[in-house]
C-alpha cells in the first residue's frame, strides 16, 4: 500500500484506489493512472504536478460514520456537483455499488457503469 502514485507506477502491476475504506477503482497501473474512470481517481490525478488536467478541487466534507447509503464519494463528486451525472444522481445517493473484483479495470461509479 502506498500514497505515492509515482512509486506505484514504477513497482506495481495493478493498483486499487480507495476512498473512505472502499475500493473505488482497480486495474493495471497503466490503465488506472493514464485513463482514470472514477471521479475520485480523476480528482487525485488532476493535482499531480505532471498532470495536464485542470485540477479538481473537491468541495464539501467527507461523510461521517456510519456512511450514508449510496456511493461514499457522492457528497464530494465533481460530476454530481456540475450536474453532468444528473441522470444517475438518485442512484449515486441511494444505491451501494458492488465490491470490485480483480479483473480488468473497473470503477465503482454509477455514472461510469451507465455511460
PDB file of N, CA and C in Angstrom:
ATOM      1  N   UNK A   1       0.850  -1.167   0.000  1.00  0.00           N
ATOM      2  CA  UNK A   1       0.000   0.000   0.000  1.00  0.00           C
ATOM      3  C   UNK A   1       0.897   1.232   0.000  1.00  0.00           C
ATOM      4  N   UNK A   2       0.483   2.235  -0.791  1.00  0.00           N
ATOM      5  CA  UNK A   2       1.244   3.474  -0.859  1.00  0.00           C
ATOM      6  C   UNK A   2       0.324   4.644  -1.190  1.00  0.00           C
ATOM      7  N   UNK A   3       0.746   5.811  -0.802  1.00  0.00           N
ATOM      8  CA  UNK A   3       0.080   7.040  -1.223  1.00  0.00           C
ATOM      9  C   UNK A   3       0.897   7.726  -2.312  1.00  0.00           C
ATOM     10  N   UNK A   4       2.005   7.123  -2.690  1.00  0.00           N
ATOM     11  CA  UNK A   4       2.915   7.669  -3.689  1.00  0.00           C
ATOM     12  C   UNK A   4       2.599   7.035  -5.042  1.00  0.00           C
ATOM     13  N   UNK A   5       1.879   7.764  -5.898  1.00  0.00           N
ATOM     14  CA  UNK A   5       1.465   7.214  -7.178  1.00  0.00           C
ATOM     15  C   UNK A   5       2.653   6.963  -8.107  1.00  0.00           C
ATOM     16  N   UNK A   6       3.713   7.757  -7.982  1.00  0.00           N
ATOM     17  CA  UNK A   6       4.921   7.523  -8.770  1.00  0.00           C
ATOM     18  C   UNK A   6       5.560   6.198  -8.404  1.00  0.00           C
ATOM     19  N   UNK A   7       5.590   5.888  -7.123  1.00  0.00           N
ATOM     20  CA  UNK A   7       6.128   4.608  -6.675  1.00  0.00           C
ATOM     21  C   UNK A   7       5.270   3.466  -7.197  1.00  0.00           C
ATOM     22  N   UNK A   8       3.965   3.614  -7.121  1.00  0.00           N
ATOM     23  CA  UNK A   8       3.066   2.578  -7.634  1.00  0.00           C
ATOM     24  C   UNK A   8       3.327   2.347  -9.121  1.00  0.00           C
ATOM     25  N   UNK A   9       3.474   3.433  -9.871  1.00  0.00           N
ATOM     26  CA  UNK A   9       3.723   3.331 -11.315  1.00  0.00           C
ATOM     27  C   UNK A   9       4.986   2.515 -11.591  1.00  0.00           C
ATOM     28  N   UNK A  10       6.013   2.711 -10.753  1.00  0.00           N
ATOM     29  CA  UNK A  10       7.307   2.069 -11.003  1.00  0.00           C
ATOM     30  C   UNK A  10       7.422   0.637 -10.501  1.00  0.00           C
ATOM     31  N   UNK A  11       6.650   0.245  -9.503  1.00  0.00           N
ATOM     32  CA  UNK A  11       6.879  -1.086  -8.939  1.00  0.00           C
ATOM     33  C   UNK A  11       5.680  -2.027  -8.981  1.00  0.00           C
ATOM     34  N   UNK A  12       4.504  -1.511  -9.252  1.00  0.00           N
ATOM     35  CA  UNK A  12       3.306  -2.358  -9.196  1.00  0.00           C
ATOM     36  C   UNK A  12       2.818  -2.737 -10.590  1.00  0.00           C
ATOM     37  N   UNK A  13       2.109  -3.853 -10.652  1.00  0.00           N
ATOM     38  CA  UNK A  13       1.440  -4.257 -11.884  1.00  0.00           C
ATOM     39  C   UNK A  13      -0.019  -3.804 -11.875  1.00  0.00           C
ATOM     40  N   UNK A  14      -0.627  -3.851 -10.678  1.00  0.00           N
ATOM     41  CA  UNK A  14      -2.032  -3.482 -10.517  1.00  0.00           C
ATOM     42  C   UNK A  14      -2.144  -2.473  -9.381  1.00  0.00           C
ATOM     43  N   UNK A  15      -3.242  -1.714  -9.404  1.00  0.00           N
ATOM     44  CA  UNK A  15      -3.462  -0.712  -8.375  1.00  0.00           C
ATOM     45  C   UNK A  15      -4.943  -0.710  -8.001  1.00  0.00           C
ATOM     46  N   UNK A  16      -5.215  -0.368  -6.754  1.00  0.00           N
ATOM     47  CA  UNK A  16      -6.581  -0.177  -6.281  1.00  0.00           C
ATOM     48  C   UNK A  16      -6.618   1.184  -5.589  1.00  0.00           C
ATOM     49  N   UNK A  17      -7.567   2.013  -5.979  1.00  0.00           N
ATOM     50  CA  UNK A  17      -7.741   3.335  -5.384  1.00  0.00           C
ATOM     51  C   UNK A  17      -8.880   3.229  -4.378  1.00  0.00           C
ATOM     52  N   UNK A  18      -8.636   3.729  -3.165  1.00  0.00           N
ATOM     53  CA  UNK A  18      -9.637   3.636  -2.108  1.00  0.00           C
ATOM     54  C   UNK A  18     -10.126   5.018  -1.690  1.00  0.00           C
ATOM     55  N   UNK A  19     -11.393   5.070  -1.317  1.00  0.00           N
ATOM     56  CA  UNK A  19     -11.986   6.268  -0.726  1.00  0.00           C
ATOM     57  C   UNK A  19     -12.811   5.823   0.459  1.00  0.00           C
ATOM     58  N   UNK A  20     -12.511   6.350   1.636  1.00  0.00           N
ATOM     59  CA  UNK A  20     -13.209   6.010   2.879  1.00  0.00           C
ATOM     60  C   UNK A  20     -13.300   4.501   3.096  1.00  0.00           C
ATOM     61  N   UNK A  21     -12.172   3.807   2.877  1.00  0.00           N
ATOM     62  CA  UNK A  21     -12.096   2.385   3.170  1.00  0.00           C
ATOM     63  C   UNK A  21     -12.728   1.473   2.147  1.00  0.00           C
ATOM     64  N   UNK A  22     -13.104   1.993   1.002  1.00  0.00           N
ATOM     65  CA  UNK A  22     -13.730   1.180  -0.037  1.00  0.00           C
ATOM     66  C   UNK A  22     -12.985   1.374  -1.352  1.00  0.00           C
ATOM     67  N   UNK A  23     -12.704   0.284  -2.050  1.00  0.00           N
ATOM     68  CA  UNK A  23     -12.037   0.373  -3.342  1.00  0.00           C
ATOM     69  C   UNK A  23     -13.016   0.984  -4.336  1.00  0.00           C
ATOM     70  N   UNK A  24     -12.603   2.093  -4.971  1.00  0.00           N
ATOM     71  CA  UNK A  24     -13.462   2.755  -5.957  1.00  0.00           C
ATOM     72  C   UNK A  24     -12.996   2.517  -7.386  1.00  0.00           C
ATOM     73  N   UNK A  25     -11.737   2.107  -7.543  1.00  0.00           N
ATOM     74  CA  UNK A  25     -11.248   1.790  -8.888  1.00  0.00           C
ATOM     75  C   UNK A  25     -10.086   0.817  -8.774  1.00  0.00           C
ATOM     76  N   UNK A  26     -10.042  -0.103  -9.720  1.00  0.00           N
ATOM     77  CA  UNK A  26      -8.974  -1.090  -9.748  1.00  0.00           C
ATOM     78  C   UNK A  26      -8.618  -1.406 -11.188  1.00  0.00           C
ATOM     79  N   UNK A  27      -7.386  -1.821 -11.388  1.00  0.00           N
ATOM     80  CA  UNK A  27      -6.940  -2.204 -12.733  1.00  0.00           C
ATOM     81  C   UNK A  27      -5.428  -2.206 -12.801  1.00  0.00           C
ATOM     82  N   UNK A  28      -4.914  -2.343 -14.023  1.00  0.00           N
ATOM     83  CA  UNK A  28      -3.470  -2.268 -14.172  1.00  0.00           C
ATOM     84  C   UNK A  28      -3.029  -0.849 -13.840  1.00  0.00           C
ATOM     85  N   UNK A  29      -1.811  -0.715 -13.397  1.00  0.00           N
ATOM     86  CA  UNK A  29      -1.303   0.614 -13.046  1.00  0.00           C
ATOM     87  C   UNK A  29      -1.428   1.551 -14.243  1.00  0.00           C
ATOM     88  N   UNK A  30      -1.025   1.080 -15.404  1.00  0.00           N
ATOM     89  CA  UNK A  30      -1.074   1.933 -16.587  1.00  0.00           C
ATOM     90  C   UNK A  30      -2.503   2.366 -16.920  1.00  0.00           C
ATOM     91  N   UNK A  31      -3.451   1.440 -16.885  1.00  0.00           N
ATOM     92  CA  UNK A  31      -4.821   1.801 -17.255  1.00  0.00           C
ATOM     93  C   UNK A  31      -5.442   2.776 -16.266  1.00  0.00           C
ATOM     94  N   UNK A  32      -5.244   2.550 -14.978  1.00  0.00           N
ATOM     95  CA  UNK A  32      -5.865   3.426 -13.968  1.00  0.00           C
ATOM     96  C   UNK A  32      -5.197   4.800 -13.936  1.00  0.00           C
ATOM     97  N   UNK A  33      -3.871   4.837 -14.037  1.00  0.00           N
ATOM     98  CA  UNK A  33      -3.191   6.123 -13.919  1.00  0.00           C
ATOM     99  C   UNK A  33      -3.194   6.938 -15.208  1.00  0.00           C
ATOM    100  N   UNK A  34      -3.425   6.311 -16.352  1.00  0.00           N
ATOM    101  CA  UNK A  34      -3.479   7.077 -17.599  1.00  0.00           C
ATOM    102  C   UNK A  34      -4.910   7.310 -18.083  1.00  0.00           C
ATOM    103  N   UNK A  35      -5.860   6.515 -17.604  1.00  0.00           N
ATOM    104  CA  UNK A  35      -7.254   6.655 -18.024  1.00  0.00           C
ATOM    105  C   UNK A  35      -8.181   6.411 -16.837  1.00  0.00           C
ATOM    106  N   UNK A  36      -8.107   7.270 -15.819  1.00  0.00           N
ATOM    107  CA  UNK A  36      -8.937   7.056 -14.629  1.00  0.00           C
ATOM    108  C   UNK A  36     -10.419   7.179 -14.961  1.00  0.00           C
ATOM    109  N   UNK A  37     -11.220   6.274 -14.390  1.00  0.00           N
ATOM    110  CA  UNK A  37     -12.652   6.267 -14.649  1.00  0.00           C
ATOM    111  C   UNK A  37     -13.461   6.878 -13.509  1.00  0.00           C
ATOM    112  N   UNK A  38     -13.091   6.575 -12.272  1.00  0.00           N
ATOM    113  CA  UNK A  38     -13.860   7.058 -11.123  1.00  0.00           C
ATOM    114  C   UNK A  38     -13.555   8.538 -10.882  1.00  0.00           C
ATOM    115  N   UNK A  39     -14.567   9.341 -10.554  1.00  0.00           N
ATOM    116  CA  UNK A  39     -14.337  10.770 -10.301  1.00  0.00           C
ATOM    117  C   UNK A  39     -13.293  11.032  -9.211  1.00  0.00           C
ATOM    118  N   UNK A  40     -13.211  10.179  -8.195  1.00  0.00           N
ATOM    119  CA  UNK A  40     -12.207  10.388  -7.150  1.00  0.00           C
ATOM    120  C   UNK A  40     -10.807  10.165  -7.703  1.00  0.00           C
ATOM    121  N   UNK A  41     -10.622   9.126  -8.495  1.00  0.00           N
ATOM    122  CA  UNK A  41      -9.314   8.873  -9.102  1.00  0.00           C
ATOM    123  C   UNK A  41      -8.936  10.032 -10.014  1.00  0.00           C
ATOM    124  N   UNK A  42      -9.899  10.530 -10.784  1.00  0.00           N
ATOM    125  CA  UNK A  42      -9.646  11.672 -11.656  1.00  0.00           C
ATOM    126  C   UNK A  42      -9.202  12.891 -10.843  1.00  0.00           C
ATOM    127  N   UNK A  43      -9.864  13.126  -9.719  1.00  0.00           N
ATOM    128  CA  UNK A  43      -9.501  14.254  -8.861  1.00  0.00           C
ATOM    129  C   UNK A  43      -8.092  14.080  -8.297  1.00  0.00           C
ATOM    130  N   UNK A  44      -7.775  12.883  -7.828  1.00  0.00           N
ATOM    131  CA  UNK A  44      -6.438  12.620  -7.285  1.00  0.00           C
ATOM    132  C   UNK A  44      -5.354  12.909  -8.318  1.00  0.00           C
ATOM    133  N   UNK A  45      -5.541  12.388  -9.514  1.00  0.00           N
ATOM    134  CA  UNK A  45      -4.521  12.520 -10.545  1.00  0.00           C
ATOM    135  C   UNK A  45      -4.442  13.933 -11.108  1.00  0.00           C
ATOM    136  N   UNK A  46      -5.535  14.688 -11.030  1.00  0.00           N
ATOM    137  CA  UNK A  46      -5.549  16.035 -11.608  1.00  0.00           C
ATOM    138  C   UNK A  46      -4.624  17.005 -10.875  1.00  0.00           C
ATOM    139  N   UNK A  47      -4.286  16.713  -9.648  1.00  0.00           N
ATOM    140  CA  UNK A  47      -3.460  17.641  -8.873  1.00  0.00           C
ATOM    141  C   UNK A  47      -1.980  17.262  -8.858  1.00  0.00           C
ATOM    142  N   UNK A  48      -1.612  16.216  -9.581  1.00  0.00           N
ATOM    143  CA  UNK A  48      -0.199  15.865  -9.680  1.00  0.00           C
ATOM    144  C   UNK A  48       0.520  16.917 -10.515  1.00  0.00           C
ATOM    145  N   UNK A  49       1.762  17.268 -10.155  1.00  0.00           N
ATOM    146  CA  UNK A  49       2.494  18.302 -10.899  1.00  0.00           C
ATOM    147  C   UNK A  49       2.623  18.003 -12.398  1.00  0.00           C
ATOM    148  N   UNK A  50       2.757  16.735 -12.763  1.00  0.00           N
ATOM    149  CA  UNK A  50       2.946  16.386 -14.173  1.00  0.00           C
ATOM    150  C   UNK A  50       1.631  16.238 -14.941  1.00  0.00           C
ATOM    151  N   UNK A  51       0.511  16.492 -14.292  1.00  0.00           N
ATOM    152  CA  UNK A  51      -0.797  16.345 -14.933  1.00  0.00           C
ATOM    153  C   UNK A  51      -1.102  17.524 -15.848  1.00  0.00           C
ATOM    154  N   UNK A  52      -1.707  17.209 -16.990  1.00  0.00           N
ATOM    155  CA  UNK A  52      -2.169  18.248 -17.909  1.00  0.00           C
ATOM    156  C   UNK A  52      -3.627  18.614 -17.641  1.00  0.00           C
ATOM    157  N   UNK A  53      -4.274  17.869 -16.748  1.00  0.00           N
ATOM    158  CA  UNK A  53      -5.688  18.091 -16.451  1.00  0.00           C
ATOM    159  C   UNK A  53      -5.873  19.349 -15.595  1.00  0.00           C
ATOM    160  N   UNK A  54      -7.036  19.940 -15.712  1.00  0.00           N
ATOM    161  CA  UNK A  54      -7.391  21.044 -14.828  1.00  0.00           C
ATOM    162  C   UNK A  54      -7.578  20.475 -13.429  1.00  0.00           C
ATOM    163  N   UNK A  55      -6.911  21.042 -12.424  1.00  0.00           N
ATOM    164  CA  UNK A  55      -7.046  20.488 -11.071  1.00  0.00           C
ATOM    165  C   UNK A  55      -8.498  20.485 -10.599  1.00  0.00           C
ATOM    166  N   UNK A  56      -8.910  19.363 -10.021  1.00  0.00           N
ATOM    167  CA  UNK A  56     -10.251  19.225  -9.468  1.00  0.00           C
ATOM    168  C   UNK A  56     -10.158  19.516  -7.970  1.00  0.00           C
ATOM    169  N   UNK A  57     -10.850  20.552  -7.544  1.00  0.00           N
ATOM    170  CA  UNK A  57     -10.875  20.892  -6.125  1.00  0.00           C
ATOM    171  C   UNK A  57     -12.161  20.344  -5.533  1.00  0.00           C
ATOM    172  N   UNK A  58     -12.011  19.395  -4.628  1.00  0.00           N
ATOM    173  CA  UNK A  58     -13.179  18.772  -4.017  1.00  0.00           C
ATOM    174  C   UNK A  58     -13.794  19.716  -2.994  1.00  0.00           C
ATOM    175  N   UNK A  59     -15.110  19.794  -3.014  1.00  0.00           N
ATOM    176  CA  UNK A  59     -15.821  20.627  -2.057  1.00  0.00           C
ATOM    177  C   UNK A  59     -16.549  19.718  -1.075  1.00  0.00           C
ATOM    178  N   UNK A  60     -17.085  20.306  -0.041  1.00  0.00           N
ATOM    179  CA  UNK A  60     -17.839  19.536   0.939  1.00  0.00           C
ATOM    180  C   UNK A  60     -16.923  18.753   1.870  1.00  0.00           C
ATOM    181  N   UNK A  61     -17.535  18.126   2.823  1.00  0.00           N
ATOM    182  CA  UNK A  61     -16.810  17.343   3.819  1.00  0.00           C
ATOM    183  C   UNK A  61     -17.038  15.862   3.580  1.00  0.00           C
ATOM    184  N   UNK A  62     -16.037  15.028   3.864  1.00  0.00           N
ATOM    185  CA  UNK A  62     -16.269  13.581   3.775  1.00  0.00           C
ATOM    186  C   UNK A  62     -17.355  13.197   4.775  1.00  0.00           C
ATOM    187  N   UNK A  63     -18.189  12.220   4.415  1.00  0.00           N
ATOM    188  CA  UNK A  63     -19.245  11.805   5.343  1.00  0.00           C
ATOM    189  C   UNK A  63     -18.656  11.175   6.605  1.00  0.00           C
ATOM    190  N   UNK A  64     -19.421  11.253   7.675  1.00  0.00           N
ATOM    191  CA  UNK A  64     -19.005  10.639   8.931  1.00  0.00           C
ATOM    192  C   UNK A  64     -19.628   9.255   9.049  1.00  0.00           C
ATOM    193  N   UNK A  65     -19.157   8.502  10.010  1.00  0.00           N
ATOM    194  CA  UNK A  65     -19.718   7.167  10.256  1.00  0.00           C
ATOM    195  C   UNK A  65     -21.061   7.295  10.948  1.00  0.00           C
ATOM    196  N   UNK A  66     -22.000   6.451  10.727  1.00  0.00           N
ATOM    197  CA  UNK A  66     -21.984   5.453   9.667  1.00  0.00           C
ATOM    198  C   UNK A  66     -22.142   6.127   8.308  1.00  0.00           C
ATOM    199  N   UNK A  67     -21.530   5.535   7.288  1.00  0.00           N
ATOM    200  CA  UNK A  67     -21.586   6.116   5.956  1.00  0.00           C
ATOM    201  C   UNK A  67     -23.024   6.119   5.451  1.00  0.00           C
ATOM    202  N   UNK A  68     -23.397   7.188   4.760  1.00  0.00           N
ATOM    203  CA  UNK A  68     -24.747   7.239   4.200  1.00  0.00           C
ATOM    204  C   UNK A  68     -24.892   6.217   3.070  1.00  0.00           C
ATOM    205  N   UNK A  69     -26.112   5.890   2.681  1.00  0.00           N
ATOM    206  CA  UNK A  69     -26.293   4.944   1.572  1.00  0.00           C
ATOM    207  C   UNK A  69     -25.759   5.530   0.270  1.00  0.00           C
ATOM    208  N   UNK A  70     -25.526   4.666  -0.682  1.00  0.00           N
ATOM    209  CA  UNK A  70     -25.045   5.097  -1.995  1.00  0.00           C
ATOM    210  C   UNK A  70     -23.536   5.140  -2.047  1.00  0.00           C
ATOM    211  N   UNK A  71     -23.049   5.771  -3.073  1.00  0.00           N
ATOM    212  CA  UNK A  71     -21.605   5.921  -3.258  1.00  0.00           C
ATOM    213  C   UNK A  71     -21.044   6.771  -2.126  1.00  0.00           C
ATOM    214  N   UNK A  72     -19.960   6.328  -1.528  1.00  0.00           N
ATOM    215  CA  UNK A  72     -19.369   7.090  -0.427  1.00  0.00           C
ATOM    216  C   UNK A  72     -18.818   8.429  -0.881  1.00  0.00           C
ATOM    217  N   UNK A  73     -18.555   8.569  -2.155  1.00  0.00           N
ATOM    218  CA  UNK A  73     -17.977   9.798  -2.690  1.00  0.00           C
ATOM    219  C   UNK A  73     -19.037  10.793  -3.166  1.00  0.00           C
ATOM    220  N   UNK A  74     -20.309  10.427  -3.180  1.00  0.00           N
ATOM    221  CA  UNK A  74     -21.318  11.266  -3.826  1.00  0.00           C
ATOM    222  C   UNK A  74     -21.411  12.689  -3.272  1.00  0.00           C
ATOM    223  N   UNK A  75     -21.160  12.883  -1.993  1.00  0.00           N
ATOM    224  CA  UNK A  75     -21.271  14.224  -1.411  1.00  0.00           C
ATOM    225  C   UNK A  75     -20.175  15.167  -1.907  1.00  0.00           C
ATOM    226  N   UNK A  76     -19.090  14.617  -2.451  1.00  0.00           N
ATOM    227  CA  UNK A  76     -17.980  15.439  -2.919  1.00  0.00           C
ATOM    228  C   UNK A  76     -17.727  15.291  -4.421  1.00  0.00           C
ATOM    229  N   UNK A  77     -18.563  14.540  -5.104  1.00  0.00           N
ATOM    230  CA  UNK A  77     -18.343  14.194  -6.503  1.00  0.00           C
ATOM    231  C   UNK A  77     -18.490  15.409  -7.419  1.00  0.00           C
ATOM    232  N   UNK A  78     -17.457  15.685  -8.179  1.00  0.00           N
ATOM    233  CA  UNK A  78     -17.477  16.822  -9.095  1.00  0.00           C
ATOM    234  C   UNK A  78     -18.471  16.618 -10.239  1.00  0.00           C
ATOM    235  N   UNK A  79     -18.746  15.380 -10.625  1.00  0.00           N
ATOM    236  CA  UNK A  79     -19.726  15.132 -11.691  1.00  0.00           C
ATOM    237  C   UNK A  79     -21.142  15.415 -11.218  1.00  0.00           C
ATOM    238  N   UNK A  80     -21.449  15.053  -9.973  1.00  0.00           N
ATOM    239  CA  UNK A  80     -22.773  15.374  -9.419  1.00  0.00           C
ATOM    240  C   UNK A  80     -22.915  16.878  -9.200  1.00  0.00           C
ATOM    241  N   UNK A  81     -21.866  17.501  -8.678  1.00  0.00           N
ATOM    242  CA  UNK A  81     -21.919  18.938  -8.397  1.00  0.00           C
ATOM    243  C   UNK A  81     -22.130  19.752  -9.673  1.00  0.00           C
ATOM    244  N   UNK A  82     -21.556  19.295 -10.781  1.00  0.00           N
ATOM    245  CA  UNK A  82     -21.676  20.028 -12.044  1.00  0.00           C
ATOM    246  C   UNK A  82     -22.988  19.747 -12.765  1.00  0.00           C
ATOM    247  N   UNK A  83     -23.706  18.723 -12.334  1.00  0.00           N
ATOM    248  CA  UNK A  83     -24.935  18.336 -12.997  1.00  0.00           C
ATOM    249  C   UNK A  83     -24.719  17.340 -14.122  1.00  0.00           C
ATOM    250  N   UNK A  84     -23.457  17.057 -14.444  1.00  0.00           N
ATOM    251  CA  UNK A  84     -23.153  16.131 -15.539  1.00  0.00           C
ATOM    252  C   UNK A  84     -23.719  14.737 -15.282  1.00  0.00           C
ATOM    253  N   UNK A  85     -23.717  14.315 -14.032  1.00  0.00           N
ATOM    254  CA  UNK A  85     -24.197  12.973 -13.688  1.00  0.00           C
ATOM    255  C   UNK A  85     -25.645  12.981 -13.224  1.00  0.00           C
ATOM    256  N   UNK A  86     -26.403  14.010 -13.555  1.00  0.00           N
ATOM    257  CA  UNK A  86     -27.787  14.103 -13.071  1.00  0.00           C
ATOM    258  C   UNK A  86     -28.657  12.897 -13.440  1.00  0.00           C
ATOM    259  N   UNK A  87     -28.438  12.215 -14.587  1.00  0.00           N
ATOM    260  CA  UNK A  87     -29.280  11.050 -14.873  1.00  0.00           C
ATOM    261  C   UNK A  87     -29.153   9.917 -13.843  1.00  0.00           C
ATOM    262  N   UNK A  88     -28.030   9.871 -13.145  1.00  0.00           N
ATOM    263  CA  UNK A  88     -27.845   8.795 -12.163  1.00  0.00           C
ATOM    264  C   UNK A  88     -27.716   9.336 -10.735  1.00  0.00           C
ATOM    265  N   UNK A  89     -28.026  10.599 -10.535  1.00  0.00           N
ATOM    266  CA  UNK A  89     -27.838  11.220  -9.222  1.00  0.00           C
ATOM    267  C   UNK A  89     -28.570  10.480  -8.110  1.00  0.00           C
ATOM    268  N   UNK A  90     -29.810  10.072  -8.361  1.00  0.00           N
ATOM    269  CA  UNK A  90     -30.560   9.351  -7.327  1.00  0.00           C
ATOM    270  C   UNK A  90     -29.887   8.031  -6.975  1.00  0.00           C
ATOM    271  N   UNK A  91     -29.364   7.328  -7.968  1.00  0.00           N
ATOM    272  CA  UNK A  91     -28.639   6.073  -7.700  1.00  0.00           C
ATOM    273  C   UNK A  91     -27.389   6.348  -6.881  1.00  0.00           C
ATOM    274  N   UNK A  92     -26.668   7.400  -7.234  1.00  0.00           N
ATOM    275  CA  UNK A  92     -25.434   7.740  -6.518  1.00  0.00           C
ATOM    276  C   UNK A  92     -25.708   7.985  -5.036  1.00  0.00           C
ATOM    277  N   UNK A  93     -26.827   8.596  -4.754  1.00  0.00           N
ATOM    278  CA  UNK A  93     -27.162   8.959  -3.375  1.00  0.00           C
ATOM    279  C   UNK A  93     -27.848   7.847  -2.595  1.00  0.00           C
ATOM    280  N   UNK A  94     -28.314   6.800  -3.282  1.00  0.00           N
ATOM    281  CA  UNK A  94     -29.112   5.807  -2.572  1.00  0.00           C
ATOM    282  C   UNK A  94     -28.676   4.359  -2.732  1.00  0.00           C
ATOM    283  N   UNK A  95     -27.997   4.020  -3.800  1.00  0.00           N
ATOM    284  CA  UNK A  95     -27.712   2.611  -4.078  1.00  0.00           C
ATOM    285  C   UNK A  95     -26.218   2.314  -3.971  1.00  0.00           C
ATOM    286  N   UNK A  96     -25.883   1.400  -3.068  1.00  0.00           N
ATOM    287  CA  UNK A  96     -24.494   0.983  -2.934  1.00  0.00           C
ATOM    288  C   UNK A  96     -24.060   0.243  -4.188  1.00  0.00           C
ATOM    289  N   UNK A  97     -22.780   0.301  -4.459  1.00  0.00           N
ATOM    290  CA  UNK A  97     -22.211  -0.404  -5.600  1.00  0.00           C
ATOM    291  C   UNK A  97     -21.552  -1.688  -5.130  1.00  0.00           C
ATOM    292  N   UNK A  98     -21.471  -2.683  -6.002  1.00  0.00           N
ATOM    293  CA  UNK A  98     -20.817  -3.934  -5.595  1.00  0.00           C
ATOM    294  C   UNK A  98     -19.321  -3.731  -5.372  1.00  0.00           C
ATOM    295  N   UNK A  99     -18.750  -4.607  -4.567  1.00  0.00           N
ATOM    296  CA  UNK A  99     -17.314  -4.582  -4.328  1.00  0.00           C
ATOM    297  C   UNK A  99     -16.619  -4.987  -5.627  1.00  0.00           C
ATOM    298  N   UNK A 100     -15.568  -4.275  -5.960  1.00  0.00           N
ATOM    299  CA  UNK A 100     -14.861  -4.555  -7.205  1.00  0.00           C
ATOM    300  C   UNK A 100     -14.030  -5.816  -7.094  1.00  0.00           C
ATOM    301  N   UNK A 101     -13.995  -6.573  -8.173  1.00  0.00           N
ATOM    302  CA  UNK A 101     -13.170  -7.766  -8.249  1.00  0.00           C
ATOM    303  C   UNK A 101     -11.780  -7.432  -8.760  1.00  0.00           C
ATOM    304  N   UNK A 102     -11.026  -8.447  -9.087  1.00  0.00           N
ATOM    305  CA  UNK A 102      -9.644  -8.259  -9.514  1.00  0.00           C
ATOM    306  C   UNK A 102      -9.481  -8.417 -11.015  1.00  0.00           C
ATOM    307  N   UNK A 103     -10.554  -8.256 -11.793  1.00  0.00           N
ATOM    308  CA  UNK A 103     -10.476  -8.421 -13.236  1.00  0.00           C
ATOM    309  C   UNK A 103      -9.847  -7.221 -13.914  1.00  0.00           C
ATOM    310  N   UNK A 104     -10.373  -6.883 -15.081  1.00  0.00           N
ATOM    311  CA  UNK A 104      -9.888  -5.728 -15.836  1.00  0.00           C
ATOM    312  C   UNK A 104     -10.190  -4.449 -15.060  1.00  0.00           C
ATOM    313  N   UNK A 105      -9.823  -3.306 -15.636  1.00  0.00           N
ATOM    314  CA  UNK A 105     -10.077  -2.034 -14.978  1.00  0.00           C
ATOM    315  C   UNK A 105     -11.569  -1.881 -14.713  1.00  0.00           C
ATOM    316  N   UNK A 106     -11.900  -1.473 -13.507  1.00  0.00           N
ATOM    317  CA  UNK A 106     -13.294  -1.284 -13.126  1.00  0.00           C
ATOM    318  C   UNK A 106     -13.386  -0.127 -12.141  1.00  0.00           C
ATOM    319  N   UNK A 107     -14.513   0.566 -12.184  1.00  0.00           N
ATOM    320  CA  UNK A 107     -14.755   1.668 -11.264  1.00  0.00           C
ATOM    321  C   UNK A 107     -16.109   1.480 -10.608  1.00  0.00           C
ATOM    322  N   UNK A 108     -16.165   1.712  -9.298  1.00  0.00           N
ATOM    323  CA  UNK A 108     -17.414   1.620  -8.550  1.00  0.00           C
ATOM    324  C   UNK A 108     -18.103   2.974  -8.629  1.00  0.00           C
ATOM    325  N   UNK A 109     -18.741   3.221  -9.788  1.00  0.00           N
ATOM    326  CA  UNK A 109     -19.366   4.513 -10.050  1.00  0.00           C
ATOM    327  C   UNK A 109     -20.583   4.302 -10.934  1.00  0.00           C
ATOM    328  N   UNK A 110     -21.748   4.771 -10.479  1.00  0.00           N
ATOM    329  CA  UNK A 110     -22.964   4.625 -11.284  1.00  0.00           C
ATOM    330  C   UNK A 110     -22.835   5.322 -12.633  1.00  0.00           C
ATOM    331  N   UNK A 111     -22.177   6.494 -12.667  1.00  0.00           N
ATOM    332  CA  UNK A 111     -22.011   7.238 -13.910  1.00  0.00           C
ATOM    333  C   UNK A 111     -21.184   6.434 -14.907  1.00  0.00           C
ATOM    334  N   UNK A 112     -20.106   5.837 -14.448  1.00  0.00           N
ATOM    335  CA  UNK A 112     -19.220   5.054 -15.336  1.00  0.00           C
ATOM    336  C   UNK A 112     -19.937   3.826 -15.852  1.00  0.00           C
ATOM    337  N   UNK A 113     -20.695   3.144 -14.998  1.00  0.00           N
ATOM    338  CA  UNK A 113     -21.340   1.903 -15.418  1.00  0.00           C
ATOM    339  C   UNK A 113     -22.511   2.138 -16.350  1.00  0.00           C
ATOM    340  N   UNK A 114     -23.068   3.357 -16.393  1.00  0.00           N
ATOM    341  CA  UNK A 114     -24.184   3.636 -17.286  1.00  0.00           C
ATOM    342  C   UNK A 114     -23.780   4.448 -18.515  1.00  0.00           C
ATOM    343  N   UNK A 115     -22.607   5.039 -18.483  1.00  0.00           N
ATOM    344  CA  UNK A 115     -22.158   5.900 -19.602  1.00  0.00           C
ATOM    345  C   UNK A 115     -21.745   5.077 -20.806  1.00  0.00           C
TER     346      UNK A 115
END
